[in-house]
Amino acid sequence: MINIQDIIPFMKDGWVAMDENGYYRYFLRKPFIDKEHKVWRTDISCDTCSLKCFDIPLADDWTKSLLKVGGK
């Protein structure tokens, strides 16, 4: 397993969050929770990238998993 904090320094500026199903995704723009589907999303479908290739431990609460990547 790899901690999400160990991957973040290698990512472009954006956002990372875990969906209710336990999968982490990277977003270019700040996502919001889609309560119906229990996932984080943006209004632009090509704005996200799956991080399924990494074995990242689950967050305690997926609704509080949003992390800012880069930026000030």
Protein backbone atom coordinates (compact mmCIF):
# COMPACT_ATOMS: atom_id res chain seq x y z
CA MET A 1 0.00 0.00 0.00
CA ILE A 2 1.06 3.55 -0.69
CA ASN A 3 -0.09 6.58 1.25
CA ILE A 4 -1.87 9.19 -0.86
CA GLN A 5 0.41 11.84 0.68
CA ASP A 6 3.42 10.05 -0.91
CA ILE A 7 1.94 10.42 -4.42
CA ILE A 8 0.70 14.03 -4.18
CA PRO A 9 4.13 15.70 -4.68
CA PHE A 10 4.32 14.13 -8.16
CA MET A 11 0.90 15.35 -9.33
CA LYS A 12 -0.09 18.49 -11.18
CA ASP A 13 -2.08 21.10 -9.27
CA GLY A 14 -5.66 19.97 -8.70
CA TRP A 15 -7.61 17.84 -6.25
CA VAL A 16 -7.69 14.20 -5.05
CA ALA A 17 -10.66 12.46 -3.42
CA MET A 18 -11.94 8.96 -2.66
CA ASP A 19 -15.41 7.92 -3.79
CA GLU A 20 -17.77 5.87 -1.61
CA ASN A 21 -16.64 2.74 -3.46
CA GLY A 22 -13.07 3.23 -2.21
CA TYR A 23 -11.49 4.44 -5.46
CA TYR A 24 -9.37 7.57 -5.51
CA ARG A 25 -9.52 10.01 -8.40
CA TYR A 26 -7.60 13.11 -9.41
CA PHE A 27 -9.45 16.24 -10.59
CA LEU A 28 -8.21 19.36 -12.39
CA ARG A 29 -11.00 21.46 -10.84
CA LYS A 30 -12.43 21.30 -7.34
CA PRO A 31 -15.06 18.52 -7.33
CA PHE A 32 -18.33 18.32 -5.42
CA ILE A 33 -20.19 15.32 -4.00
CA ASP A 34 -22.82 13.73 -6.24
CA LYS A 35 -25.07 12.44 -3.44
CA GLU A 36 -27.16 10.25 -5.74
CA HIS A 37 -24.17 8.26 -7.02
CA LYS A 38 -21.95 8.69 -3.93
CA VAL A 39 -18.97 10.00 -5.89
CA TRP A 40 -16.96 13.19 -6.28
CA ARG A 41 -17.35 14.87 -9.68
CA THR A 42 -17.11 18.08 -11.66
CA ASP A 43 -19.34 19.36 -14.42
CA ILE A 44 -16.68 18.44 -17.00
CA SER A 45 -16.35 14.69 -17.64
CA CYS A 46 -12.76 14.84 -18.94
CA ASP A 47 -11.70 16.67 -15.76
CA THR A 48 -10.83 13.48 -13.84
CA CYS A 49 -8.31 10.65 -13.80
CA SER A 50 -8.57 7.35 -11.92
CA LEU A 51 -5.89 6.42 -9.39
CA LYS A 52 -6.95 2.73 -9.32
CA CYS A 53 -3.42 1.72 -10.33
CA PHE A 54 -2.24 2.64 -6.83
CA ASP A 55 -3.04 0.56 -3.76
CA ILE A 56 -4.08 3.46 -1.49
CA PRO A 57 -5.53 2.83 1.98
CA LEU A 58 -9.18 3.83 2.39
CA ALA A 59 -10.08 7.12 4.03
CA ASP A 60 -12.13 6.92 7.23
CA ASP A 61 -14.92 8.97 5.65
CA TRP A 62 -15.04 9.32 1.87
CA THR A 63 -17.06 12.56 2.14
CA LYS A 64 -14.09 14.17 3.94
CA SER A 65 -11.35 12.73 1.69
CA LEU A 66 -10.93 15.77 -0.58
CA LEU A 67 -7.30 16.98 -0.70
CA LYS A 68 -5.82 19.95 -2.57
CA VAL A 69 -2.79 19.11 -4.71
CA GLY A 70 -0.12 21.77 -5.25
CA GLY A 71 -0.87 25.45 -5.43
CA LYS A 72 -0.55 27.92 -2.62
